[in-house]
Amino acid sequence: MPTKKEKTVRVLTRIGCVSIGIVYTLVGVLAILNLLGLAEEEADEEGVMNFVVKQPLGELMLWCIAVGLLGYVFWRFYEAFKDPYDYGKDYKGLATRIGIALTGVAYAAISMTAFQELLGGDSNGEEDQQALADDVLSWDYGAYLVGAAALVTLVSAIIQFIYGAKNKFAERVNFKNMPEHLHNYALAIGKIGYFARGVIMFVLSIFIAKAAWFSDSDEIGNTDSAFSFLSEEWYGDVFFAMVAIGTMFYGFFMFIFARYYRFKPKNQ
């Protein structure tokens, strides 16, 4: 029986999953609308914040998203340091836990974007990233550090592909509480969503690698730039739309997580 503290953590985590689901569903929607010329906001996390705050009760909604994201961040750091899934301290276990912590850092950055929007901060995600990269590139061996960031992003992309291909994400889903006829749908949604996330992260790793290779921070791009790259450089609008829909599916899968998240290993 979970303690009161554990119940609180689980509620925060579920709220965080809903927040992430909203963000990535809207990223995919904005990407499709941009493709059709029907939206002004960029198809990235910051564009979502700008879109949400303009809606009726938008500021309240954005507060909920920002706080919810922090709840999920707390859980990811708890996973990394307390190891409730018993990944262990061997090489593979530590690598998994470091990856979980890095995921927490990524979602913390999205949460901070929401808070900046709420507090009236002047922020441009892509320009801020480029400014940071420019500073780092000015250091001795700065290009190597940016290259290391590209490698980390590439590894993260590969992990997304592996999670999708091997259904690793399903380890966190409590299928016992899910109606059996929904199992295959949940797996399909997860596969598509993680594959789309992997594609976006792979493109972002290309941007960062080019910035390191050419010592040019202008090569850094955000999610919206990644969508543009897919449209211009790969298979055109069809592939763009597929990844956008896949990003929406990632958001849908986070809603599934919110309802059926498994907080302990299967044998407990």
C-alpha atoms as a PDB file:
ATOM      1  CA  MET A   1       0.000   0.000   0.000  1.00  0.00           C
ATOM      2  CA  PRO A   2       1.642   3.304  -1.052  1.00  0.00           C
ATOM      3  CA  THR A   3       2.304   5.854   1.676  1.00  0.00           C
ATOM      4  CA  LYS A   4       0.757   9.313   1.661  1.00  0.00           C
ATOM      5  CA  LYS A   5       4.021  10.757   0.306  1.00  0.00           C
ATOM      6  CA  GLU A   6       4.128   8.154  -2.478  1.00  0.00           C
ATOM      7  CA  LYS A   7       0.520   8.904  -3.391  1.00  0.00           C
ATOM      8  CA  THR A   8       1.362  12.611  -3.643  1.00  0.00           C
ATOM      9  CA  VAL A   9       4.364  11.899  -5.879  1.00  0.00           C
ATOM     10  CA  ARG A  10       2.235   9.682  -8.105  1.00  0.00           C
ATOM     11  CA  VAL A  11      -0.460  12.314  -8.475  1.00  0.00           C
ATOM     12  CA  LEU A  12       2.167  14.918  -9.434  1.00  0.00           C
ATOM     13  CA  THR A  13       3.666  12.488 -11.939  1.00  0.00           C
ATOM     14  CA  ARG A  14       0.302  11.800 -13.557  1.00  0.00           C
ATOM     15  CA  ILE A  15      -0.405  15.527 -13.803  1.00  0.00           C
ATOM     16  CA  GLY A  16       3.023  15.948 -15.362  1.00  0.00           C
ATOM     17  CA  CYS A  17       2.243  13.284 -17.963  1.00  0.00           C
ATOM     18  CA  VAL A  18      -0.940  15.163 -18.871  1.00  0.00           C
ATOM     19  CA  SER A  19       1.077  18.390 -19.202  1.00  0.00           C
ATOM     20  CA  ILE A  20       3.613  16.722 -21.497  1.00  0.00           C
ATOM     21  CA  GLY A  21       0.775  15.164 -23.462  1.00  0.00           C
ATOM     22  CA  ILE A  22      -0.787  18.581 -24.016  1.00  0.00           C
ATOM     23  CA  VAL A  23       2.533  20.125 -25.076  1.00  0.00           C
ATOM     24  CA  TYR A  24       3.447  17.497 -27.666  1.00  0.00           C
ATOM     25  CA  THR A  25      -0.056  17.044 -28.992  1.00  0.00           C
ATOM     26  CA  LEU A  26      -0.120  20.793 -29.651  1.00  0.00           C
ATOM     27  CA  VAL A  27       3.384  20.739 -31.172  1.00  0.00           C
ATOM     28  CA  GLY A  28       2.098  18.211 -33.700  1.00  0.00           C
ATOM     29  CA  VAL A  29      -1.098  20.180 -34.298  1.00  0.00           C
ATOM     30  CA  LEU A  30       0.843  23.421 -34.841  1.00  0.00           C
ATOM     31  CA  ALA A  31       3.178  21.638 -37.255  1.00  0.00           C
ATOM     32  CA  ILE A  32       0.210  20.461 -39.335  1.00  0.00           C
ATOM     33  CA  LEU A  33      -1.398  23.913 -39.209  1.00  0.00           C
ATOM     34  CA  ASN A  34       1.891  25.503 -40.275  1.00  0.00           C
ATOM     35  CA  LEU A  35       2.088  23.068 -43.170  1.00  0.00           C
ATOM     36  CA  LEU A  36      -1.380  24.218 -44.223  1.00  0.00           C
ATOM     37  CA  GLY A  37      -0.537  27.895 -43.654  1.00  0.00           C
ATOM     38  CA  LEU A  38      -3.113  28.206 -40.875  1.00  0.00           C
ATOM     39  CA  ALA A  39      -0.939  29.036 -37.849  1.00  0.00           C
ATOM     40  CA  GLU A  40       1.544  31.745 -36.910  1.00  0.00           C
ATOM     41  CA  GLU A  41       3.173  30.112 -33.875  1.00  0.00           C
ATOM     42  CA  GLU A  42       6.233  27.959 -34.437  1.00  0.00           C
ATOM     43  CA  ALA A  43       5.791  24.206 -34.034  1.00  0.00           C
ATOM     44  CA  ASP A  44       7.942  23.869 -30.933  1.00  0.00           C
ATOM     45  CA  GLU A  45       7.548  23.966 -27.163  1.00  0.00           C
ATOM     46  CA  GLU A  46       7.791  27.746 -26.991  1.00  0.00           C
ATOM     47  CA  GLY A  47       5.242  28.124 -29.774  1.00  0.00           C
ATOM     48  CA  VAL A  48       2.874  25.938 -27.755  1.00  0.00           C
ATOM     49  CA  MET A  49       3.269  28.213 -24.719  1.00  0.00           C
ATOM     50  CA  ASN A  50       2.507  31.271 -26.867  1.00  0.00           C
ATOM     51  CA  PHE A  51      -0.535  29.516 -28.318  1.00  0.00           C
ATOM     52  CA  VAL A  52      -1.920  28.356 -24.965  1.00  0.00           C
ATOM     53  CA  VAL A  53      -1.596  31.706 -23.199  1.00  0.00           C
ATOM     54  CA  LYS A  54      -3.698  33.380 -25.922  1.00  0.00           C
ATOM     55  CA  GLN A  55      -6.652  31.055 -25.333  1.00  0.00           C
ATOM     56  CA  PRO A  56      -9.549  31.695 -22.916  1.00  0.00           C
ATOM     57  CA  LEU A  57      -8.207  30.949 -19.428  1.00  0.00           C
ATOM     58  CA  GLY A  58      -4.883  30.472 -21.193  1.00  0.00           C
ATOM     59  CA  GLU A  59      -2.778  31.839 -18.349  1.00  0.00           C
ATOM     60  CA  LEU A  60      -4.386  29.442 -15.872  1.00  0.00           C
ATOM     61  CA  MET A  61      -3.871  26.564 -18.296  1.00  0.00           C
ATOM     62  CA  LEU A  62      -0.216  27.500 -18.721  1.00  0.00           C
ATOM     63  CA  TRP A  63       0.307  27.628 -14.949  1.00  0.00           C
ATOM     64  CA  CYS A  64      -1.127  24.116 -14.734  1.00  0.00           C
ATOM     65  CA  ILE A  65       1.164  22.901 -17.524  1.00  0.00           C
ATOM     66  CA  ALA A  66       4.252  24.520 -15.995  1.00  0.00           C
ATOM     67  CA  VAL A  67       3.621  23.140 -12.510  1.00  0.00           C
ATOM     68  CA  GLY A  68       2.636  19.758 -13.925  1.00  0.00           C
ATOM     69  CA  LEU A  69       5.906  19.540 -15.826  1.00  0.00           C
ATOM     70  CA  LEU A  70       7.813  20.196 -12.615  1.00  0.00           C
ATOM     71  CA  GLY A  71       5.957  17.304 -11.001  1.00  0.00           C
ATOM     72  CA  TYR A  72       7.124  14.981 -13.763  1.00  0.00           C
ATOM     73  CA  VAL A  73      10.674  16.368 -13.517  1.00  0.00           C
ATOM     74  CA  PHE A  74      10.672  15.567  -9.805  1.00  0.00           C
ATOM     75  CA  TRP A  75       9.656  11.987 -10.549  1.00  0.00           C
ATOM     76  CA  ARG A  76      12.354  11.534 -13.201  1.00  0.00           C
ATOM     77  CA  PHE A  77      15.055  12.724 -10.816  1.00  0.00           C
ATOM     78  CA  TYR A  78      13.587  10.468  -8.132  1.00  0.00           C
ATOM     79  CA  GLU A  79      13.833   7.552 -10.594  1.00  0.00           C
ATOM     80  CA  ALA A  80      17.430   8.420 -11.431  1.00  0.00           C
ATOM     81  CA  PHE A  81      18.657   8.739  -7.840  1.00  0.00           C
ATOM     82  CA  LYS A  82      16.407   6.377  -5.833  1.00  0.00           C
ATOM     83  CA  ASP A  83      16.205   3.718  -8.563  1.00  0.00           C
ATOM     84  CA  PRO A  84      12.701   2.336  -7.822  1.00  0.00           C
ATOM     85  CA  TYR A  85      12.948   0.095 -10.917  1.00  0.00           C
ATOM     86  CA  ASP A  86      16.166  -1.552  -9.676  1.00  0.00           C
ATOM     87  CA  TYR A  87      18.316  -0.734 -12.679  1.00  0.00           C
ATOM     88  CA  GLY A  88      21.323  -1.123 -10.429  1.00  0.00           C
ATOM     89  CA  LYS A  89      24.794   0.402 -10.355  1.00  0.00           C
ATOM     90  CA  ASP A  90      26.496  -1.543 -13.117  1.00  0.00           C
ATOM     91  CA  TYR A  91      27.424   0.134 -16.390  1.00  0.00           C
ATOM     92  CA  LYS A  92      24.074  -0.505 -18.062  1.00  0.00           C
ATOM     93  CA  GLY A  93      22.079   0.507 -14.997  1.00  0.00           C
ATOM     94  CA  LEU A  94      23.988   3.745 -14.459  1.00  0.00           C
ATOM     95  CA  ALA A  95      23.696   4.625 -18.151  1.00  0.00           C
ATOM     96  CA  THR A  96      19.932   4.120 -17.947  1.00  0.00           C
ATOM     97  CA  ARG A  97      19.659   6.260 -14.817  1.00  0.00           C
ATOM     98  CA  ILE A  98      21.777   9.035 -16.350  1.00  0.00           C
ATOM     99  CA  GLY A  99      19.477   8.990 -19.371  1.00  0.00           C
ATOM    100  CA  ILE A 100      16.465   9.333 -17.078  1.00  0.00           C
ATOM    101  CA  ALA A 101      18.090  12.311 -15.338  1.00  0.00           C
ATOM    102  CA  LEU A 102      18.822  13.965 -18.687  1.00  0.00           C
ATOM    103  CA  THR A 103      15.160  13.521 -19.623  1.00  0.00           C
ATOM    104  CA  GLY A 104      14.301  15.342 -16.405  1.00  0.00           C
ATOM    105  CA  VAL A 105      16.624  18.196 -17.373  1.00  0.00           C
ATOM    106  CA  ALA A 106      14.958  18.445 -20.805  1.00  0.00           C
ATOM    107  CA  TYR A 107      11.471  18.668 -19.307  1.00  0.00           C
ATOM    108  CA  ALA A 108      12.705  21.148 -16.708  1.00  0.00           C
ATOM    109  CA  ALA A 109      13.812  23.390 -19.583  1.00  0.00           C
ATOM    110  CA  ILE A 110      10.328  23.163 -21.126  1.00  0.00           C
ATOM    111  CA  SER A 111       8.799  24.047 -17.768  1.00  0.00           C
ATOM    112  CA  MET A 112      11.070  27.079 -17.471  1.00  0.00           C
ATOM    113  CA  THR A 113       9.912  28.186 -20.925  1.00  0.00           C
ATOM    114  CA  ALA A 114       6.336  28.113 -19.635  1.00  0.00           C
ATOM    115  CA  PHE A 115       7.246  30.103 -16.538  1.00  0.00           C
ATOM    116  CA  GLN A 116       9.085  32.671 -18.668  1.00  0.00           C
ATOM    117  CA  GLU A 117       5.964  33.105 -20.775  1.00  0.00           C
ATOM    118  CA  LEU A 118       3.849  33.546 -17.637  1.00  0.00           C
ATOM    119  CA  LEU A 119       6.234  36.030 -16.039  1.00  0.00           C
ATOM    120  CA  GLY A 120       6.591  38.132 -19.171  1.00  0.00           C
ATOM    121  CA  GLY A 121      10.177  37.172 -19.877  1.00  0.00           C
ATOM    122  CA  ASP A 122      11.627  37.951 -23.296  1.00  0.00           C
ATOM    123  CA  SER A 123      12.629  34.560 -24.615  1.00  0.00           C
ATOM    124  CA  ASN A 124      13.282  32.995 -27.990  1.00  0.00           C
ATOM    125  CA  GLY A 125      14.197  29.342 -27.660  1.00  0.00           C
ATOM    126  CA  GLU A 126      16.243  29.016 -30.832  1.00  0.00           C
ATOM    127  CA  GLU A 127      18.012  32.360 -30.413  1.00  0.00           C
ATOM    128  CA  ASP A 128      18.776  31.575 -26.768  1.00  0.00           C
ATOM    129  CA  GLN A 129      20.262  28.220 -27.765  1.00  0.00           C
ATOM    130  CA  GLN A 130      22.327  29.867 -30.476  1.00  0.00           C
ATOM    131  CA  ALA A 131      23.597  32.504 -28.036  1.00  0.00           C
ATOM    132  CA  LEU A 132      24.615  29.793 -25.569  1.00  0.00           C
ATOM    133  CA  ALA A 133      26.347  27.801 -28.315  1.00  0.00           C
ATOM    134  CA  ASP A 134      28.124  30.954 -29.474  1.00  0.00           C
ATOM    135  CA  ASP A 135      29.500  31.490 -25.976  1.00  0.00           C
ATOM    136  CA  VAL A 136      30.649  27.882 -25.698  1.00  0.00           C
ATOM    137  CA  LEU A 137      32.262  27.929 -29.153  1.00  0.00           C
ATOM    138  CA  SER A 138      34.366  30.907 -28.057  1.00  0.00           C
ATOM    139  CA  TRP A 139      36.008  28.804 -25.345  1.00  0.00           C
ATOM    140  CA  ASP A 140      39.121  26.702 -25.814  1.00  0.00           C
ATOM    141  CA  TYR A 141      37.898  23.302 -26.964  1.00  0.00           C
ATOM    142  CA  GLY A 142      34.375  24.755 -27.086  1.00  0.00           C
ATOM    143  CA  ALA A 143      33.698  23.033 -30.406  1.00  0.00           C
ATOM    144  CA  TYR A 144      34.411  19.691 -28.736  1.00  0.00           C
ATOM    145  CA  LEU A 145      31.882  20.469 -26.012  1.00  0.00           C
ATOM    146  CA  VAL A 146      29.252  21.330 -28.618  1.00  0.00           C
ATOM    147  CA  GLY A 147      30.196  18.150 -30.458  1.00  0.00           C
ATOM    148  CA  ALA A 148      29.687  16.202 -27.228  1.00  0.00           C
ATOM    149  CA  ALA A 149      26.208  17.763 -26.949  1.00  0.00           C
ATOM    150  CA  ALA A 150      25.500  16.568 -30.494  1.00  0.00           C
ATOM    151  CA  LEU A 151      26.594  13.062 -29.520  1.00  0.00           C
ATOM    152  CA  VAL A 152      24.374  13.060 -26.425  1.00  0.00           C
ATOM    153  CA  THR A 153      21.414  14.192 -28.556  1.00  0.00           C
ATOM    154  CA  LEU A 154      22.168  11.511 -31.143  1.00  0.00           C
ATOM    155  CA  VAL A 155      22.316   8.829 -28.449  1.00  0.00           C
ATOM    156  CA  SER A 156      19.014  10.120 -27.084  1.00  0.00           C
ATOM    157  CA  ALA A 157      17.507   9.792 -30.570  1.00  0.00           C
ATOM    158  CA  ILE A 158      18.770   6.222 -30.866  1.00  0.00           C
ATOM    159  CA  ILE A 159      17.262   5.419 -27.462  1.00  0.00           C
ATOM    160  CA  GLN A 160      13.890   6.720 -28.684  1.00  0.00           C
ATOM    161  CA  PHE A 161      14.119   4.420 -31.709  1.00  0.00           C
ATOM    162  CA  ILE A 162      15.053   1.451 -29.501  1.00  0.00           C
ATOM    163  CA  TYR A 163      12.218   2.223 -27.104  1.00  0.00           C
ATOM    164  CA  GLY A 164       9.826   2.221 -30.038  1.00  0.00           C
ATOM    165  CA  ALA A 165      11.221  -0.827 -31.829  1.00  0.00           C
ATOM    166  CA  LYS A 166      11.465  -3.025 -28.718  1.00  0.00           C
ATOM    167  CA  ASN A 167       8.425  -1.688 -26.848  1.00  0.00           C
ATOM    168  CA  LYS A 168      10.687  -0.648 -23.972  1.00  0.00           C
ATOM    169  CA  PHE A 169       8.212   2.105 -23.107  1.00  0.00           C
ATOM    170  CA  ALA A 170       5.681  -0.623 -22.265  1.00  0.00           C
ATOM    171  CA  GLU A 171       7.684  -1.486 -19.135  1.00  0.00           C
ATOM    172  CA  ARG A 172       6.217   1.654 -17.564  1.00  0.00           C
ATOM    173  CA  VAL A 173       2.604   0.862 -18.501  1.00  0.00           C
ATOM    174  CA  ASN A 174       0.403  -1.014 -16.059  1.00  0.00           C
ATOM    175  CA  PHE A 175      -1.400  -3.228 -18.540  1.00  0.00           C
ATOM    176  CA  LYS A 176      -3.172  -5.118 -15.741  1.00  0.00           C
ATOM    177  CA  ASN A 177      -5.361  -2.085 -15.132  1.00  0.00           C
ATOM    178  CA  MET A 178      -5.943  -1.445 -18.829  1.00  0.00           C
ATOM    179  CA  PRO A 179      -8.806  -3.099 -20.740  1.00  0.00           C
ATOM    180  CA  GLU A 180      -7.277  -5.883 -22.820  1.00  0.00           C
ATOM    181  CA  HIS A 181      -8.733  -4.628 -26.101  1.00  0.00           C
ATOM    182  CA  LEU A 182      -6.728  -1.403 -25.681  1.00  0.00           C
ATOM    183  CA  HIS A 183      -3.311  -3.078 -25.289  1.00  0.00           C
ATOM    184  CA  ASN A 184      -2.443  -3.191 -28.991  1.00  0.00           C
ATOM    185  CA  TYR A 185      -3.657   0.369 -29.532  1.00  0.00           C
ATOM    186  CA  ALA A 186      -1.474   1.606 -26.670  1.00  0.00           C
ATOM    187  CA  LEU A 187       1.563  -0.209 -28.082  1.00  0.00           C
ATOM    188  CA  ALA A 188       0.964   1.156 -31.597  1.00  0.00           C
ATOM    189  CA  ILE A 189       0.544   4.723 -30.335  1.00  0.00           C
ATOM    190  CA  GLY A 190       3.715   4.403 -28.273  1.00  0.00           C
ATOM    191  CA  LYS A 191       5.746   2.989 -31.163  1.00  0.00           C
ATOM    192  CA  ILE A 192       4.708   5.788 -33.523  1.00  0.00           C
ATOM    193  CA  GLY A 193       5.221   8.465 -30.897  1.00  0.00           C
ATOM    194  CA  TYR A 194       8.705   7.361 -29.881  1.00  0.00           C
ATOM    195  CA  PHE A 195       9.768   6.955 -33.504  1.00  0.00           C
ATOM    196  CA  ALA A 196       8.642  10.539 -34.253  1.00  0.00           C
ATOM    197  CA  ARG A 197      10.513  11.836 -31.197  1.00  0.00           C
ATOM    198  CA  GLY A 198      13.579   9.964 -32.370  1.00  0.00           C
ATOM    199  CA  VAL A 199      13.394  11.566 -35.819  1.00  0.00           C
ATOM    200  CA  ILE A 200      13.178  15.078 -34.353  1.00  0.00           C
ATOM    201  CA  MET A 201      16.059  14.443 -31.942  1.00  0.00           C
ATOM    202  CA  PHE A 202      18.152  12.945 -34.749  1.00  0.00           C
ATOM    203  CA  VAL A 203      17.677  16.106 -36.826  1.00  0.00           C
ATOM    204  CA  LEU A 204      18.517  18.274 -33.806  1.00  0.00           C
ATOM    205  CA  SER A 205      21.742  16.289 -33.355  1.00  0.00           C
ATOM    206  CA  ILE A 206      22.629  17.094 -36.988  1.00  0.00           C
ATOM    207  CA  PHE A 207      22.129  20.810 -36.291  1.00  0.00           C
ATOM    208  CA  ILE A 208      24.361  20.691 -33.212  1.00  0.00           C
ATOM    209  CA  ALA A 209      27.031  18.642 -35.003  1.00  0.00           C
ATOM    210  CA  LYS A 210      27.120  21.166 -37.866  1.00  0.00           C
ATOM    211  CA  ALA A 211      27.474  23.994 -35.338  1.00  0.00           C
ATOM    212  CA  ALA A 212      30.464  22.202 -33.809  1.00  0.00           C
ATOM    213  CA  TRP A 213      32.061  21.299 -37.155  1.00  0.00           C
ATOM    214  CA  PHE A 214      31.742  24.771 -38.677  1.00  0.00           C
ATOM    215  CA  SER A 215      32.063  26.661 -35.353  1.00  0.00           C
ATOM    216  CA  ASP A 216      28.855  28.428 -36.322  1.00  0.00           C
ATOM    217  CA  SER A 217      26.118  28.779 -33.689  1.00  0.00           C
ATOM    218  CA  ASP A 218      23.606  29.772 -36.393  1.00  0.00           C
ATOM    219  CA  GLU A 219      23.448  26.092 -37.343  1.00  0.00           C
ATOM    220  CA  ILE A 220      21.627  25.366 -34.053  1.00  0.00           C
ATOM    221  CA  GLY A 221      17.900  24.822 -34.525  1.00  0.00           C
ATOM    222  CA  ASN A 222      14.787  24.025 -32.506  1.00  0.00           C
ATOM    223  CA  THR A 223      11.910  21.596 -33.060  1.00  0.00           C
ATOM    224  CA  ASP A 224      10.263  23.929 -35.558  1.00  0.00           C
ATOM    225  CA  SER A 225      13.516  24.127 -37.529  1.00  0.00           C
ATOM    226  CA  ALA A 226      13.676  20.323 -37.469  1.00  0.00           C
ATOM    227  CA  PHE A 227      10.225  20.127 -39.034  1.00  0.00           C
ATOM    228  CA  SER A 228      11.319  22.617 -41.704  1.00  0.00           C
ATOM    229  CA  PHE A 229      14.415  20.517 -42.378  1.00  0.00           C
ATOM    230  CA  LEU A 230      12.278  17.417 -42.854  1.00  0.00           C
ATOM    231  CA  SER A 231      10.082  19.240 -45.336  1.00  0.00           C
ATOM    232  CA  GLU A 232      12.901  20.823 -47.322  1.00  0.00           C
ATOM    233  CA  GLU A 233      15.663  18.247 -47.250  1.00  0.00           C
ATOM    234  CA  TRP A 234      14.070  14.804 -46.941  1.00  0.00           C
ATOM    235  CA  TYR A 235      10.799  13.567 -48.376  1.00  0.00           C
ATOM    236  CA  GLY A 236       8.829  16.779 -48.428  1.00  0.00           C
ATOM    237  CA  ASP A 237       5.431  17.475 -46.975  1.00  0.00           C
ATOM    238  CA  VAL A 238       4.392  13.832 -46.670  1.00  0.00           C
ATOM    239  CA  PHE A 239       7.243  12.938 -44.311  1.00  0.00           C
ATOM    240  CA  PHE A 240       6.758  16.252 -42.484  1.00  0.00           C
ATOM    241  CA  ALA A 241       3.100  15.358 -41.884  1.00  0.00           C
ATOM    242  CA  MET A 242       3.976  11.826 -40.760  1.00  0.00           C
ATOM    243  CA  VAL A 243       6.415  13.080 -38.114  1.00  0.00           C
ATOM    244  CA  ALA A 244       3.958  15.801 -37.029  1.00  0.00           C
ATOM    245  CA  ILE A 245       1.216  13.205 -36.555  1.00  0.00           C
ATOM    246  CA  GLY A 246       3.730  10.969 -34.789  1.00  0.00           C
ATOM    247  CA  THR A 247       4.525  13.832 -32.419  1.00  0.00           C
ATOM    248  CA  MET A 248       0.808  14.094 -31.667  1.00  0.00           C
ATOM    249  CA  PHE A 249       0.825  10.353 -30.971  1.00  0.00           C
ATOM    250  CA  TYR A 250       3.665  10.885 -28.485  1.00  0.00           C
ATOM    251  CA  GLY A 251       1.387  13.351 -26.737  1.00  0.00           C
ATOM    252  CA  PHE A 252      -1.463  10.816 -26.819  1.00  0.00           C
ATOM    253  CA  PHE A 253       0.818   8.193 -25.300  1.00  0.00           C
ATOM    254  CA  MET A 254       1.661  10.518 -22.421  1.00  0.00           C
ATOM    255  CA  PHE A 255      -2.078  10.682 -21.694  1.00  0.00           C
ATOM    256  CA  ILE A 256      -2.012   6.869 -21.524  1.00  0.00           C
ATOM    257  CA  PHE A 257       0.937   7.128 -19.144  1.00  0.00           C
ATOM    258  CA  ALA A 258      -1.050   9.517 -16.978  1.00  0.00           C
ATOM    259  CA  ARG A 259      -3.721   6.874 -16.473  1.00  0.00           C
ATOM    260  CA  TYR A 260      -1.684   3.654 -16.490  1.00  0.00           C
ATOM    261  CA  TYR A 261       1.799   4.603 -15.255  1.00  0.00           C
ATOM    262  CA  ARG A 262       3.611   1.733 -13.540  1.00  0.00           C
ATOM    263  CA  PHE A 263       5.531   3.092 -10.561  1.00  0.00           C
ATOM    264  CA  LYS A 264       7.256  -0.139  -9.570  1.00  0.00           C
ATOM    265  CA  PRO A 265       8.861  -3.109 -11.357  1.00  0.00           C
ATOM    266  CA  LYS A 266       6.497  -5.791 -12.658  1.00  0.00           C
ATOM    267  CA  ASN A 267       7.438  -8.223  -9.905  1.00  0.00           C
ATOM    268  CA  GLN A 268       6.345  -5.840  -7.128  1.00  0.00           C
END
